[in-house]
Amino acid sequence: MFRSLHLHNGDIKIDEWDSKALSLEDLRGSIGFVPTDPPLFQGSIRLNLDPAERFEDEEIWSALEIVKLKELVSSRSSGLNSEEIHDLDRETRRLLYLAIMILNRYTIMVVEEPKVISDTSLHHVFTQVLDEVLHNVTRIVIGQRSDTLLSCQQVLLLNQGRIASFGSKQELEETECPHYKTLRRVSRLVSSS
């Protein structure tokens, strides 16, 4: 999708545009990525949020406020210019990446979900921002948890690296997809425990 590997066959279309027809800069400039364990550059919070120095302070503070990190960053000795980033936990770094998504106004987001949530309150903020602020952005979720997958409009299930099934929840229910049934069963077991 990011064209880091050559596509041998098939194509990837974004809003009916063949991704191969887009310049690499345009393609990557329209897709944001939130990994499970986001890395940060060595340097300031500002550098991590805006490495190209395209945004004004007010825009950065606004994005930090939306992801509920304004207070944390402003409490640091140098605020946005603070280089105290080594102590930020994974969920906080994921929120910083959401601030990057807000600043850059990506049209597509790839979100890699962690298997285990280390801080449920920060994860709640993360999902709330996704649902309320970034609701108009196309999201591709690499899900690890059944409840997340079951909340998606379309589900693509892989089995040993191959497509096992794809469709809306309703389509998968109607076709009685065995992989989807397993996913539903696991979800019910987790929610009842």
N, C-alpha and C. Protein backbone atom coordinates (compact mmCIF):
# COMPACT_ATOMS: atom_id res chain seq x y z
N MET A 1 0.82 -1.19 0.00
CA MET A 1 0.00 0.00 0.00
C MET A 1 0.87 1.26 0.00
N PHE A 2 1.95 1.26 0.77
CA PHE A 2 2.85 2.41 0.82
C PHE A 2 3.89 2.37 -0.30
N ARG A 3 3.81 1.32 -1.13
CA ARG A 3 4.74 1.06 -2.22
C ARG A 3 6.17 0.89 -1.75
N SER A 4 6.33 0.28 -0.58
CA SER A 4 7.68 -0.03 -0.13
C SER A 4 8.16 -1.32 -0.80
N LEU A 5 7.23 -2.11 -1.32
CA LEU A 5 7.54 -3.31 -2.10
C LEU A 5 6.88 -3.19 -3.46
N HIS A 6 7.50 -3.79 -4.47
CA HIS A 6 6.94 -3.78 -5.81
C HIS A 6 5.74 -4.74 -5.86
N LEU A 7 4.64 -4.28 -6.40
CA LEU A 7 3.44 -5.09 -6.55
C LEU A 7 3.57 -5.94 -7.80
N HIS A 8 3.61 -7.26 -7.64
CA HIS A 8 3.83 -8.16 -8.77
C HIS A 8 2.59 -8.35 -9.63
N ASN A 9 1.43 -8.43 -9.00
CA ASN A 9 0.21 -8.53 -9.79
C ASN A 9 -0.92 -7.87 -9.01
N GLY A 10 -1.98 -7.55 -9.72
CA GLY A 10 -3.10 -6.85 -9.11
C GLY A 10 -2.81 -5.37 -8.98
N ASP A 11 -3.73 -4.67 -8.34
CA ASP A 11 -3.52 -3.25 -8.12
C ASP A 11 -4.22 -2.81 -6.85
N ILE A 12 -3.80 -1.68 -6.36
CA ILE A 12 -4.41 -1.07 -5.18
C ILE A 12 -5.00 0.25 -5.63
N LYS A 13 -6.32 0.37 -5.47
CA LYS A 13 -7.00 1.60 -5.89
C LYS A 13 -7.43 2.38 -4.66
N ILE A 14 -7.20 3.69 -4.74
CA ILE A 14 -7.61 4.61 -3.69
C ILE A 14 -8.53 5.63 -4.34
N ASP A 15 -9.80 5.62 -3.94
CA ASP A 15 -10.80 6.49 -4.57
C ASP A 15 -10.75 6.38 -6.09
N GLU A 16 -10.72 5.15 -6.57
CA GLU A 16 -10.69 4.83 -8.00
C GLU A 16 -9.39 5.19 -8.72
N TRP A 17 -8.39 5.68 -7.97
CA TRP A 17 -7.09 5.98 -8.55
C TRP A 17 -6.18 4.79 -8.32
N ASP A 18 -5.50 4.35 -9.37
CA ASP A 18 -4.52 3.29 -9.25
C ASP A 18 -3.32 3.87 -8.49
N SER A 19 -2.95 3.25 -7.38
CA SER A 19 -1.87 3.80 -6.55
C SER A 19 -0.55 3.89 -7.32
N LYS A 20 -0.36 3.06 -8.35
CA LYS A 20 0.87 3.13 -9.15
C LYS A 20 0.93 4.41 -9.97
N ALA A 21 -0.23 5.02 -10.25
CA ALA A 21 -0.28 6.24 -11.05
C ALA A 21 0.05 7.48 -10.20
N LEU A 22 -0.03 7.36 -8.89
CA LEU A 22 0.27 8.48 -8.01
C LEU A 22 1.77 8.56 -7.76
N SER A 23 2.28 9.77 -7.58
CA SER A 23 3.68 9.89 -7.21
C SER A 23 3.85 9.31 -5.81
N LEU A 24 5.04 8.85 -5.50
CA LEU A 24 5.30 8.27 -4.19
C LEU A 24 5.02 9.30 -3.09
N GLU A 25 5.36 10.55 -3.34
CA GLU A 25 5.13 11.62 -2.37
C GLU A 25 3.63 11.82 -2.13
N ASP A 26 2.84 11.85 -3.20
CA ASP A 26 1.39 12.02 -3.05
C ASP A 26 0.76 10.82 -2.35
N LEU A 27 1.20 9.63 -2.72
CA LEU A 27 0.65 8.42 -2.11
C LEU A 27 0.93 8.40 -0.61
N ARG A 28 2.19 8.55 -0.26
CA ARG A 28 2.55 8.49 1.16
C ARG A 28 2.07 9.70 1.94
N GLY A 29 1.83 10.81 1.23
CA GLY A 29 1.32 12.00 1.89
C GLY A 29 -0.16 11.92 2.21
N SER A 30 -0.84 10.90 1.69
CA SER A 30 -2.27 10.77 1.96
C SER A 30 -2.59 9.62 2.92
N ILE A 31 -1.56 8.86 3.31
CA ILE A 31 -1.77 7.69 4.18
C ILE A 31 -0.95 7.85 5.46
N GLY A 32 -1.63 7.78 6.59
CA GLY A 32 -0.95 7.82 7.87
C GLY A 32 -0.89 6.43 8.48
N PHE A 33 0.06 6.22 9.37
CA PHE A 33 0.26 4.91 9.98
C PHE A 33 0.47 5.05 11.47
N VAL A 34 -0.30 4.30 12.25
CA VAL A 34 -0.13 4.26 13.71
C VAL A 34 0.26 2.82 14.06
N PRO A 35 1.55 2.58 14.31
CA PRO A 35 1.98 1.22 14.65
C PRO A 35 1.62 0.85 16.09
N THR A 36 1.75 -0.43 16.38
CA THR A 36 1.47 -0.93 17.73
C THR A 36 2.36 -0.24 18.76
N ASP A 37 3.62 -0.14 18.46
CA ASP A 37 4.59 0.43 19.39
C ASP A 37 5.34 1.55 18.65
N PRO A 38 4.75 2.76 18.60
CA PRO A 38 5.30 3.82 17.76
C PRO A 38 6.67 4.30 18.21
N PRO A 39 7.61 4.35 17.29
CA PRO A 39 8.93 4.90 17.63
C PRO A 39 8.88 6.43 17.62
N LEU A 40 9.76 7.06 18.36
CA LEU A 40 9.89 8.51 18.33
C LEU A 40 11.32 8.85 17.93
N PHE A 41 11.48 9.97 17.21
CA PHE A 41 12.81 10.46 16.88
C PHE A 41 13.48 10.95 18.14
N GLN A 42 14.79 10.89 18.17
CA GLN A 42 15.51 11.53 19.26
C GLN A 42 15.42 13.02 18.99
N GLY A 43 14.90 13.75 19.92
CA GLY A 43 14.69 15.18 19.72
C GLY A 43 13.46 15.63 20.46
N SER A 44 12.95 16.76 20.07
CA SER A 44 11.83 17.37 20.81
C SER A 44 10.49 16.76 20.42
N ILE A 45 9.52 17.07 21.25
CA ILE A 45 8.14 16.66 20.95
C ILE A 45 7.70 17.32 19.64
N ARG A 46 8.07 18.59 19.46
CA ARG A 46 7.74 19.31 18.23
C ARG A 46 8.31 18.59 17.01
N LEU A 47 9.57 18.17 17.09
CA LEU A 47 10.20 17.47 15.97
C LEU A 47 9.44 16.20 15.62
N ASN A 48 8.97 15.50 16.62
CA ASN A 48 8.23 14.26 16.38
C ASN A 48 6.86 14.51 15.78
N LEU A 49 6.22 15.61 16.16
CA LEU A 49 4.90 15.92 15.63
C LEU A 49 4.95 16.60 14.26
N ASP A 50 6.02 17.36 14.03
CA ASP A 50 6.10 18.18 12.82
C ASP A 50 7.54 18.24 12.31
N PRO A 51 8.09 17.12 11.83
CA PRO A 51 9.50 17.12 11.40
C PRO A 51 9.78 18.06 10.22
N ALA A 52 8.78 18.35 9.40
CA ALA A 52 8.97 19.24 8.25
C ALA A 52 8.72 20.71 8.61
N GLU A 53 8.38 20.97 9.86
CA GLU A 53 8.13 22.33 10.35
C GLU A 53 7.09 23.07 9.50
N ARG A 54 5.95 22.43 9.26
CA ARG A 54 4.88 23.02 8.44
C ARG A 54 3.78 23.67 9.26
N PHE A 55 3.72 23.38 10.56
CA PHE A 55 2.58 23.82 11.35
C PHE A 55 2.97 24.87 12.40
N GLU A 56 2.02 25.76 12.67
CA GLU A 56 2.19 26.78 13.70
C GLU A 56 1.98 26.15 15.08
N ASP A 57 2.50 26.81 16.11
CA ASP A 57 2.33 26.33 17.48
C ASP A 57 0.87 26.09 17.82
N GLU A 58 0.00 27.02 17.42
CA GLU A 58 -1.42 26.91 17.77
C GLU A 58 -2.03 25.62 17.20
N GLU A 59 -1.64 25.25 15.98
CA GLU A 59 -2.15 24.04 15.37
C GLU A 59 -1.67 22.80 16.12
N ILE A 60 -0.42 22.82 16.53
CA ILE A 60 0.14 21.67 17.26
C ILE A 60 -0.53 21.55 18.63
N TRP A 61 -0.67 22.68 19.33
CA TRP A 61 -1.33 22.64 20.63
C TRP A 61 -2.79 22.18 20.50
N SER A 62 -3.45 22.60 19.44
CA SER A 62 -4.84 22.18 19.22
C SER A 62 -4.92 20.66 19.02
N ALA A 63 -4.02 20.11 18.22
CA ALA A 63 -4.00 18.65 18.01
C ALA A 63 -3.70 17.93 19.32
N LEU A 64 -2.78 18.47 20.11
CA LEU A 64 -2.47 17.85 21.41
C LEU A 64 -3.66 17.92 22.35
N GLU A 65 -4.41 19.00 22.28
CA GLU A 65 -5.61 19.12 23.13
C GLU A 65 -6.65 18.07 22.73
N ILE A 66 -6.83 17.87 21.44
CA ILE A 66 -7.80 16.89 20.96
C ILE A 66 -7.47 15.49 21.46
N VAL A 67 -6.17 15.14 21.48
CA VAL A 67 -5.77 13.80 21.92
C VAL A 67 -5.48 13.76 23.42
N LYS A 68 -5.84 14.82 24.12
CA LYS A 68 -5.74 14.90 25.58
C LYS A 68 -4.30 14.82 26.09
N LEU A 69 -3.35 15.39 25.33
CA LEU A 69 -1.95 15.40 25.76
C LEU A 69 -1.42 16.82 25.98
N LYS A 70 -2.27 17.81 25.83
CA LYS A 70 -1.81 19.20 25.99
C LYS A 70 -1.27 19.44 27.40
N GLU A 71 -1.97 18.96 28.39
CA GLU A 71 -1.54 19.15 29.78
C GLU A 71 -0.20 18.46 30.04
N LEU A 72 -0.06 17.25 29.55
CA LEU A 72 1.20 16.51 29.73
C LEU A 72 2.37 17.26 29.10
N VAL A 73 2.20 17.70 27.85
CA VAL A 73 3.29 18.37 27.14
C VAL A 73 3.58 19.73 27.77
N SER A 74 2.54 20.48 28.15
CA SER A 74 2.78 21.80 28.74
C SER A 74 3.42 21.69 30.12
N SER A 75 3.28 20.54 30.79
CA SER A 75 3.90 20.36 32.11
C SER A 75 5.40 20.07 32.00
N ARG A 76 5.88 19.74 30.81
CA ARG A 76 7.31 19.50 30.60
C ARG A 76 8.05 20.84 30.63
N SER A 77 9.30 20.81 31.06
CA SER A 77 10.07 22.04 31.26
C SER A 77 10.10 22.95 30.02
N SER A 78 10.22 22.39 28.85
CA SER A 78 10.31 23.20 27.63
C SER A 78 9.10 23.05 26.72
N GLY A 79 8.01 22.48 27.22
CA GLY A 79 6.79 22.33 26.43
C GLY A 79 7.03 21.57 25.14
N LEU A 80 6.66 22.15 24.01
CA LEU A 80 6.83 21.49 22.72
C LEU A 80 8.30 21.22 22.40
N ASN A 81 9.19 22.03 22.93
CA ASN A 81 10.61 21.85 22.66
C ASN A 81 11.29 20.90 23.63
N SER A 82 10.50 20.32 24.51
CA SER A 82 11.05 19.36 25.47
C SER A 82 11.56 18.12 24.75
N GLU A 83 12.72 17.67 25.17
CA GLU A 83 13.28 16.44 24.61
C GLU A 83 13.09 15.27 25.58
N GLU A 84 12.25 15.48 26.58
CA GLU A 84 11.94 14.43 27.56
C GLU A 84 10.88 13.51 26.96
N ILE A 85 11.31 12.61 26.10
CA ILE A 85 10.35 11.72 25.45
C ILE A 85 10.62 10.25 25.78
N HIS A 86 11.75 9.97 26.39
CA HIS A 86 12.13 8.58 26.66
C HIS A 86 11.19 7.90 27.66
N ASP A 87 10.47 8.68 28.46
CA ASP A 87 9.59 8.09 29.48
C ASP A 87 8.14 7.93 29.02
N LEU A 88 7.84 8.26 27.77
CA LEU A 88 6.45 8.16 27.30
C LEU A 88 6.10 6.70 27.01
N ASP A 89 5.00 6.25 27.60
CA ASP A 89 4.61 4.85 27.39
C ASP A 89 3.99 4.67 26.00
N ARG A 90 3.74 3.42 25.65
CA ARG A 90 3.25 3.08 24.31
C ARG A 90 1.93 3.77 23.98
N GLU A 91 0.98 3.77 24.90
CA GLU A 91 -0.33 4.37 24.63
C GLU A 91 -0.21 5.88 24.43
N THR A 92 0.67 6.54 25.17
CA THR A 92 0.89 7.98 24.99
C THR A 92 1.52 8.25 23.63
N ARG A 93 2.48 7.43 23.23
CA ARG A 93 3.10 7.59 21.91
C ARG A 93 2.07 7.37 20.80
N ARG A 94 1.14 6.43 21.00
CA ARG A 94 0.08 6.20 20.01
C ARG A 94 -0.82 7.45 19.89
N LEU A 95 -1.07 8.12 21.01
CA LEU A 95 -1.85 9.36 20.98
C LEU A 95 -1.08 10.47 20.25
N LEU A 96 0.24 10.51 20.43
CA LEU A 96 1.05 11.48 19.68
C LEU A 96 0.91 11.23 18.18
N TYR A 97 0.90 9.96 17.80
CA TYR A 97 0.72 9.63 16.38
C TYR A 97 -0.66 10.04 15.88
N LEU A 98 -1.68 9.95 16.73
CA LEU A 98 -3.00 10.45 16.33
C LEU A 98 -2.96 11.96 16.12
N ALA A 99 -2.19 12.67 16.95
CA ALA A 99 -2.03 14.12 16.76
C ALA A 99 -1.40 14.39 15.40
N ILE A 100 -0.45 13.55 15.00
CA ILE A 100 0.17 13.68 13.67
C ILE A 100 -0.89 13.48 12.58
N MET A 101 -1.78 12.49 12.78
CA MET A 101 -2.86 12.25 11.80
C MET A 101 -3.76 13.47 11.68
N ILE A 102 -4.07 14.09 12.82
CA ILE A 102 -4.93 15.27 12.83
C ILE A 102 -4.24 16.44 12.12
N LEU A 103 -2.98 16.66 12.42
CA LEU A 103 -2.24 17.76 11.80
C LEU A 103 -2.14 17.61 10.28
N ASN A 104 -1.84 16.41 9.83
CA ASN A 104 -1.59 16.17 8.41
C ASN A 104 -2.85 15.92 7.59
N ARG A 105 -3.98 15.75 8.27
CA ARG A 105 -5.27 15.53 7.59
C ARG A 105 -5.19 14.39 6.56
N TYR A 106 -4.64 13.28 6.98
CA TYR A 106 -4.57 12.12 6.10
C TYR A 106 -5.97 11.67 5.71
N THR A 107 -6.12 11.14 4.51
CA THR A 107 -7.41 10.64 4.08
C THR A 107 -7.57 9.14 4.39
N ILE A 108 -6.43 8.48 4.59
CA ILE A 108 -6.43 7.05 4.93
C ILE A 108 -5.48 6.85 6.10
N MET A 109 -5.92 6.03 7.05
CA MET A 109 -5.07 5.68 8.19
C MET A 109 -4.96 4.18 8.28
N VAL A 110 -3.75 3.71 8.51
CA VAL A 110 -3.54 2.30 8.82
C VAL A 110 -3.23 2.27 10.31
N VAL A 111 -4.05 1.56 11.07
CA VAL A 111 -3.89 1.49 12.52
C VAL A 111 -3.60 0.05 12.90
N GLU A 112 -2.43 -0.15 13.47
CA GLU A 112 -2.06 -1.48 13.94
C GLU A 112 -2.41 -1.55 15.43
N GLU A 113 -3.29 -2.45 15.75
CA GLU A 113 -3.79 -2.54 17.12
C GLU A 113 -2.92 -3.46 17.97
N PRO A 114 -2.59 -3.04 19.20
CA PRO A 114 -1.82 -3.93 20.07
C PRO A 114 -2.67 -5.09 20.58
N LYS A 115 -2.00 -6.21 20.86
CA LYS A 115 -2.71 -7.36 21.40
C LYS A 115 -3.19 -7.08 22.82
N VAL A 116 -2.38 -6.36 23.57
CA VAL A 116 -2.69 -6.07 24.97
C VAL A 116 -2.72 -4.55 25.15
N ILE A 117 -3.73 -4.07 25.84
CA ILE A 117 -3.86 -2.64 26.13
C ILE A 117 -3.24 -2.40 27.50
N SER A 118 -2.20 -1.56 27.53
CA SER A 118 -1.50 -1.35 28.80
C SER A 118 -2.18 -0.30 29.68
N ASP A 119 -2.86 0.67 29.08
CA ASP A 119 -3.54 1.71 29.85
C ASP A 119 -4.92 1.91 29.23
N THR A 120 -5.93 1.39 29.89
CA THR A 120 -7.27 1.41 29.30
C THR A 120 -7.84 2.82 29.17
N SER A 121 -7.48 3.74 30.06
CA SER A 121 -8.01 5.11 29.95
C SER A 121 -7.43 5.80 28.72
N LEU A 122 -6.13 5.62 28.45
CA LEU A 122 -5.54 6.21 27.25
C LEU A 122 -6.06 5.53 25.99
N HIS A 123 -6.29 4.23 26.06
CA HIS A 123 -6.85 3.53 24.91
C HIS A 123 -8.26 4.03 24.61
N HIS A 124 -9.01 4.33 25.67
CA HIS A 124 -10.35 4.89 25.49
C HIS A 124 -10.27 6.23 24.75
N VAL A 125 -9.32 7.09 25.14
CA VAL A 125 -9.12 8.36 24.45
C VAL A 125 -8.78 8.10 22.99
N PHE A 126 -7.92 7.13 22.74
CA PHE A 126 -7.50 6.77 21.38
C PHE A 126 -8.71 6.40 20.53
N THR A 127 -9.54 5.50 21.01
CA THR A 127 -10.71 5.07 20.24
C THR A 127 -11.74 6.19 20.11
N GLN A 128 -11.86 7.02 21.14
CA GLN A 128 -12.79 8.15 21.08
C GLN A 128 -12.37 9.13 20.00
N VAL A 129 -11.07 9.45 19.92
CA VAL A 129 -10.58 10.37 18.89
C VAL A 129 -10.79 9.76 17.51
N LEU A 130 -10.53 8.46 17.37
CA LEU A 130 -10.77 7.80 16.09
C LEU A 130 -12.23 7.94 15.67
N ASP A 131 -13.13 7.67 16.61
CA ASP A 131 -14.56 7.65 16.29
C ASP A 131 -15.18 9.03 16.14
N GLU A 132 -14.71 10.01 16.93
CA GLU A 132 -15.36 11.32 16.94
C GLU A 132 -14.65 12.38 16.09
N VAL A 133 -13.33 12.32 16.04
CA VAL A 133 -12.57 13.35 15.33
C VAL A 133 -12.15 12.88 13.95
N LEU A 134 -11.73 11.63 13.87
CA LEU A 134 -11.23 11.10 12.60
C LEU A 134 -12.25 10.16 11.96
N HIS A 135 -13.52 10.38 12.22
CA HIS A 135 -14.58 9.50 11.72
C HIS A 135 -14.69 9.52 10.20
N ASN A 136 -14.26 10.60 9.55
CA ASN A 136 -14.39 10.69 8.10
C ASN A 136 -13.15 10.19 7.36
N VAL A 137 -12.20 9.66 8.09
CA VAL A 137 -10.98 9.12 7.50
C VAL A 137 -11.16 7.62 7.30
N THR A 138 -10.77 7.14 6.14
CA THR A 138 -10.82 5.69 5.90
C THR A 138 -9.77 5.04 6.78
N ARG A 139 -10.20 4.05 7.57
CA ARG A 139 -9.28 3.37 8.48
C ARG A 139 -9.11 1.92 8.07
N ILE A 140 -7.89 1.52 8.00
CA ILE A 140 -7.57 0.11 7.82
C ILE A 140 -6.97 -0.33 9.14
N VAL A 141 -7.67 -1.21 9.84
CA VAL A 141 -7.24 -1.65 11.16
C VAL A 141 -6.63 -3.04 11.05
N ILE A 142 -5.39 -3.14 11.48
CA ILE A 142 -4.77 -4.45 11.58
C ILE A 142 -5.08 -4.89 13.00
N GLY A 143 -6.17 -5.62 13.12
CA GLY A 143 -6.74 -5.93 14.43
C GLY A 143 -6.16 -7.18 15.05
N GLN A 144 -6.04 -7.11 16.35
CA GLN A 144 -5.59 -8.24 17.13
C GLN A 144 -6.69 -8.73 18.07
N ARG A 145 -7.69 -7.86 18.27
CA ARG A 145 -8.73 -8.14 19.25
C ARG A 145 -10.06 -8.27 18.53
N SER A 146 -10.80 -9.28 18.90
CA SER A 146 -12.06 -9.58 18.19
C SER A 146 -13.07 -8.45 18.30
N ASP A 147 -13.15 -7.75 19.44
CA ASP A 147 -14.14 -6.68 19.57
C ASP A 147 -13.87 -5.55 18.58
N THR A 148 -12.60 -5.28 18.30
CA THR A 148 -12.26 -4.24 17.32
C THR A 148 -12.67 -4.68 15.93
N LEU A 149 -12.33 -5.90 15.57
CA LEU A 149 -12.66 -6.40 14.23
C LEU A 149 -14.16 -6.42 14.00
N LEU A 150 -14.91 -6.77 15.03
CA LEU A 150 -16.36 -6.84 14.89
C LEU A 150 -17.01 -5.46 14.80
N SER A 151 -16.24 -4.40 15.13
CA SER A 151 -16.80 -3.05 15.02
C SER A 151 -16.53 -2.42 13.65
N CYS A 152 -15.80 -3.11 12.79
CA CYS A 152 -15.46 -2.59 11.47
C CYS A 152 -16.60 -2.80 10.47
N GLN A 153 -16.68 -1.92 9.46
CA GLN A 153 -17.71 -2.06 8.42
C GLN A 153 -17.40 -3.23 7.50
N GLN A 154 -16.16 -3.39 7.14
CA GLN A 154 -15.70 -4.48 6.28
C GLN A 154 -14.63 -5.26 7.05
N VAL A 155 -14.61 -6.55 6.90
CA VAL A 155 -13.64 -7.39 7.60
C VAL A 155 -12.92 -8.26 6.58
N LEU A 156 -11.60 -8.24 6.65
CA LEU A 156 -10.76 -9.10 5.83
C LEU A 156 -10.04 -10.01 6.80
N LEU A 157 -10.33 -11.30 6.74
CA LEU A 157 -9.70 -12.27 7.63
C LEU A 157 -8.64 -13.04 6.85
N LEU A 158 -7.45 -13.10 7.45
CA LEU A 158 -6.36 -13.85 6.85
C LEU A 158 -6.13 -15.14 7.62
N ASN A 159 -5.73 -16.18 6.91
CA ASN A 159 -5.38 -17.45 7.53
C ASN A 159 -4.09 -17.91 6.86
N GLN A 160 -3.01 -17.95 7.63
CA GLN A 160 -1.70 -18.33 7.13
C GLN A 160 -1.28 -17.46 5.94
N GLY A 161 -1.54 -16.15 6.05
CA GLY A 161 -1.12 -15.20 5.04
C GLY A 161 -1.98 -15.14 3.80
N ARG A 162 -3.06 -15.87 3.77
CA ARG A 162 -3.96 -15.87 2.61
C ARG A 162 -5.34 -15.38 3.04
N ILE A 163 -6.06 -14.79 2.08
CA ILE A 163 -7.40 -14.29 2.40
C ILE A 163 -8.32 -15.47 2.67
N ALA A 164 -8.87 -15.49 3.88
CA ALA A 164 -9.82 -16.54 4.26
C ALA A 164 -11.24 -16.10 3.96
N SER A 165 -11.52 -14.81 4.18
CA SER A 165 -12.84 -14.27 3.86
C SER A 165 -12.77 -12.76 3.89
N PHE A 166 -13.70 -12.16 3.16
CA PHE A 166 -13.77 -10.70 3.10
C PHE A 166 -15.22 -10.31 2.85
N GLY A 167 -15.66 -9.27 3.55
CA GLY A 167 -17.00 -8.75 3.33
C GLY A 167 -17.49 -7.97 4.53
N SER A 168 -18.71 -7.51 4.44
CA SER A 168 -19.32 -6.83 5.58
C SER A 168 -19.67 -7.89 6.62
N LYS A 169 -19.96 -7.45 7.83
CA LYS A 169 -20.35 -8.40 8.87
C LYS A 169 -21.58 -9.19 8.43
N GLN A 170 -22.52 -8.50 7.82
CA GLN A 170 -23.75 -9.16 7.37
C GLN A 170 -23.44 -10.23 6.31
N GLU A 171 -22.59 -9.89 5.33
CA GLU A 171 -22.23 -10.85 4.29
C GLU A 171 -21.54 -12.08 4.88
N LEU A 172 -20.66 -11.84 5.84
CA LEU A 172 -19.94 -12.96 6.45
C LEU A 172 -20.88 -13.84 7.28
N GLU A 173 -21.86 -13.20 7.92
CA GLU A 173 -22.86 -13.96 8.68
C GLU A 173 -23.70 -14.82 7.73
N GLU A 174 -24.12 -14.21 6.60
CA GLU A 174 -24.99 -14.91 5.65
C GLU A 174 -24.29 -16.09 4.97
N THR A 175 -23.00 -15.94 4.70
CA THR A 175 -22.27 -17.03 4.04
C THR A 175 -21.80 -18.07 5.04
N GLU A 176 -22.06 -17.81 6.31
CA GLU A 176 -21.65 -18.70 7.39
C GLU A 176 -20.16 -19.04 7.30
N CYS A 177 -19.37 -18.00 7.13
CA CYS A 177 -17.92 -18.12 7.05
C CYS A 177 -17.38 -18.74 8.35
N PRO A 178 -16.67 -19.87 8.28
CA PRO A 178 -16.18 -20.52 9.51
C PRO A 178 -15.19 -19.65 10.29
N HIS A 179 -14.37 -18.88 9.60
CA HIS A 179 -13.40 -18.02 10.29
C HIS A 179 -14.11 -16.91 11.04
N TYR A 180 -15.14 -16.36 10.43
CA TYR A 180 -15.91 -15.31 11.08
C TYR A 180 -16.68 -15.87 12.27
N LYS A 181 -17.21 -17.08 12.12
CA LYS A 181 -17.91 -17.72 13.25
C LYS A 181 -16.97 -17.90 14.43
N THR A 182 -15.74 -18.31 14.15
CA THR A 182 -14.74 -18.48 15.21
C THR A 182 -14.46 -17.14 15.88
N LEU A 183 -14.33 -16.10 15.09
CA LEU A 183 -14.09 -14.76 15.62
C LEU A 183 -15.24 -14.34 16.54
N ARG A 184 -16.47 -14.57 16.12
CA ARG A 184 -17.64 -14.24 16.94
C ARG A 184 -17.65 -15.03 18.24
N ARG A 185 -17.32 -16.31 18.15
CA ARG A 185 -17.31 -17.18 19.34
C ARG A 185 -16.26 -16.68 20.34
N VAL A 186 -15.07 -16.35 19.85
CA VAL A 186 -14.00 -15.83 20.72
C VAL A 186 -14.44 -14.53 21.37
N SER A 187 -15.10 -13.66 20.60
CA SER A 187 -15.57 -12.40 21.13
C SER A 187 -16.57 -12.60 22.27
N ARG A 188 -17.49 -13.55 22.09
CA ARG A 188 -18.47 -13.82 23.15
C ARG A 188 -17.79 -14.39 24.40
N LEU A 189 -16.78 -15.25 24.21
CA LEU A 189 -16.06 -15.82 25.35
C LEU A 189 -15.32 -14.74 26.13
N VAL A 190 -14.68 -13.82 25.40
CA VAL A 190 -13.92 -12.75 26.05
C VAL A 190 -14.86 -11.82 26.81
N SER A 191 -15.99 -11.45 26.19
CA SER A 191 -16.90 -10.51 26.83
C SER A 191 -17.62 -11.12 28.02
N SER A 192 -17.76 -12.43 28.06
CA SER A 192 -18.44 -13.06 29.20
C SER A 192 -17.50 -13.37 30.36
N SER A 193 -16.21 -13.24 30.13
CA SER A 193 -15.26 -13.54 31.24
C SER A 193 -14.92 -12.34 32.05
